[in-house]
Amino acid sequence: MPAHYVGSACGKNMSLKVTFTVGFERKFNPTLDARTFKEFEEHLLNNQLKPFPRHIQIKETNSSPQIAEKLISPSR
């Protein structure tokens, strides 16, 4: 199950862009307006999205021993 979607830490503000430039991100990504680590941290903490309704289920599925075993074991 995918876990990169709005509501997950890594899926916040995802766009359909497949490439980016630092200049584009500086212009349009408000997270980069922070001047200090504390400002950066506060911005992230104060702008969290509500979790996707199935987030806990997807996270638990992705963390299950069965999934880990499939990733570790060679295919037969």
C-alpha atoms as a PDB file:
ATOM      1  CA  MET A   1       0.000   0.000   0.000  1.00  0.00           C
ATOM      2  CA  PRO A   2       1.377   3.439  -0.795  1.00  0.00           C
ATOM      3  CA  ALA A   3       2.107   5.749   2.116  1.00  0.00           C
ATOM      4  CA  HIS A   4       3.179   8.920   0.291  1.00  0.00           C
ATOM      5  CA  TYR A   5      -0.012  10.966   0.145  1.00  0.00           C
ATOM      6  CA  VAL A   6      -1.500  14.106   1.624  1.00  0.00           C
ATOM      7  CA  GLY A   7      -1.621  13.577   5.358  1.00  0.00           C
ATOM      8  CA  SER A   8       1.617  11.657   5.562  1.00  0.00           C
ATOM      9  CA  ALA A   9       4.767  13.477   6.588  1.00  0.00           C
ATOM     10  CA  CYS A  10       6.400  12.994   3.209  1.00  0.00           C
ATOM     11  CA  GLY A  11       3.254  13.647   1.205  1.00  0.00           C
ATOM     12  CA  LYS A  12       2.445  17.092   2.513  1.00  0.00           C
ATOM     13  CA  ASN A  13       2.013  19.612  -0.302  1.00  0.00           C
ATOM     14  CA  MET A  14       2.917  17.076  -2.970  1.00  0.00           C
ATOM     15  CA  SER A  15       2.702  18.412  -6.491  1.00  0.00           C
ATOM     16  CA  LEU A  16       2.630  16.730  -9.869  1.00  0.00           C
ATOM     17  CA  LYS A  17       5.959  18.308 -10.803  1.00  0.00           C
ATOM     18  CA  VAL A  18       8.554  15.675 -11.593  1.00  0.00           C
ATOM     19  CA  THR A  19      11.447  18.154 -11.511  1.00  0.00           C
ATOM     20  CA  PHE A  20      12.095  21.360  -9.622  1.00  0.00           C
ATOM     21  CA  THR A  21      14.657  24.076  -9.185  1.00  0.00           C
ATOM     22  CA  VAL A  22      15.913  25.677  -6.011  1.00  0.00           C
ATOM     23  CA  GLY A  23      14.715  29.037  -7.369  1.00  0.00           C
ATOM     24  CA  PHE A  24      11.184  27.694  -7.874  1.00  0.00           C
ATOM     25  CA  GLU A  25      11.103  26.262  -4.354  1.00  0.00           C
ATOM     26  CA  ARG A  26      12.436  29.495  -2.834  1.00  0.00           C
ATOM     27  CA  LYS A  27       9.698  31.431  -4.622  1.00  0.00           C
ATOM     28  CA  PHE A  28       6.739  29.120  -3.945  1.00  0.00           C
ATOM     29  CA  ASN A  29       7.594  27.006  -0.890  1.00  0.00           C
ATOM     30  CA  PRO A  30       6.700  28.940   2.281  1.00  0.00           C
ATOM     31  CA  THR A  31       8.689  26.506   4.409  1.00  0.00           C
ATOM     32  CA  LEU A  32      11.859  27.989   2.951  1.00  0.00           C
ATOM     33  CA  ASP A  33      10.970  31.468   4.238  1.00  0.00           C
ATOM     34  CA  ALA A  34      12.268  30.427   7.655  1.00  0.00           C
ATOM     35  CA  ARG A  35      15.476  32.206   8.642  1.00  0.00           C
ATOM     36  CA  THR A  36      16.346  29.978  11.592  1.00  0.00           C
ATOM     37  CA  PHE A  37      15.916  26.314  12.414  1.00  0.00           C
ATOM     38  CA  LYS A  38      13.402  27.302  15.104  1.00  0.00           C
ATOM     39  CA  GLU A  39      11.270  29.183  12.527  1.00  0.00           C
ATOM     40  CA  PHE A  40      11.518  26.197  10.176  1.00  0.00           C
ATOM     41  CA  GLU A  41      10.465  23.806  12.937  1.00  0.00           C
ATOM     42  CA  GLU A  42       7.576  26.049  14.031  1.00  0.00           C
ATOM     43  CA  HIS A  43       6.336  26.351  10.442  1.00  0.00           C
ATOM     44  CA  LEU A  44       6.302  22.569  10.023  1.00  0.00           C
ATOM     45  CA  LEU A  45       4.580  21.948  13.359  1.00  0.00           C
ATOM     46  CA  ASN A  46       1.994  24.714  12.898  1.00  0.00           C
ATOM     47  CA  ASN A  47       1.058  23.683   9.361  1.00  0.00           C
ATOM     48  CA  GLN A  48       0.438  19.965   9.740  1.00  0.00           C
ATOM     49  CA  LEU A  49      -2.447  18.556   7.747  1.00  0.00           C
ATOM     50  CA  LYS A  50      -5.017  16.275   9.296  1.00  0.00           C
ATOM     51  CA  PRO A  51      -4.062  12.638   8.727  1.00  0.00           C
ATOM     52  CA  PHE A  52      -5.699  10.864   5.839  1.00  0.00           C
ATOM     53  CA  PRO A  53      -8.550   8.696   7.206  1.00  0.00           C
ATOM     54  CA  ARG A  54      -6.733   5.418   6.448  1.00  0.00           C
ATOM     55  CA  HIS A  55      -3.281   6.688   7.456  1.00  0.00           C
ATOM     56  CA  ILE A  56      -2.976   4.525  10.590  1.00  0.00           C
ATOM     57  CA  GLN A  57      -4.134   1.392   8.750  1.00  0.00           C
ATOM     58  CA  ILE A  58      -1.725   1.999   5.853  1.00  0.00           C
ATOM     59  CA  LYS A  59       1.163   2.765   8.226  1.00  0.00           C
ATOM     60  CA  GLU A  60       0.492  -0.412  10.233  1.00  0.00           C
ATOM     61  CA  THR A  61       0.257  -2.502   7.059  1.00  0.00           C
ATOM     62  CA  ASN A  62       3.515  -1.073   5.725  1.00  0.00           C
ATOM     63  CA  SER A  63       5.206  -1.746   9.079  1.00  0.00           C
ATOM     64  CA  SER A  64       3.979  -5.311   9.436  1.00  0.00           C
ATOM     65  CA  PRO A  65       6.469  -8.188   9.732  1.00  0.00           C
ATOM     66  CA  GLN A  66       4.890  -9.826   6.664  1.00  0.00           C
ATOM     67  CA  ILE A  67       5.742  -6.800   4.503  1.00  0.00           C
ATOM     68  CA  ALA A  68       9.266  -6.643   5.919  1.00  0.00           C
ATOM     69  CA  GLU A  69       9.748 -10.369   5.227  1.00  0.00           C
ATOM     70  CA  LYS A  70       8.660  -9.906   1.602  1.00  0.00           C
ATOM     71  CA  LEU A  71      11.158  -7.076   1.191  1.00  0.00           C
ATOM     72  CA  ILE A  72      14.030  -8.985   2.785  1.00  0.00           C
ATOM     73  CA  SER A  73      13.467 -12.475   1.380  1.00  0.00           C
ATOM     74  CA  PRO A  74      14.618 -13.212  -2.166  1.00  0.00           C
ATOM     75  CA  SER A  75      11.938 -14.132  -4.687  1.00  0.00           C
ATOM     76  CA  ARG A  76      11.527 -17.787  -5.398  1.00  0.00           C
END
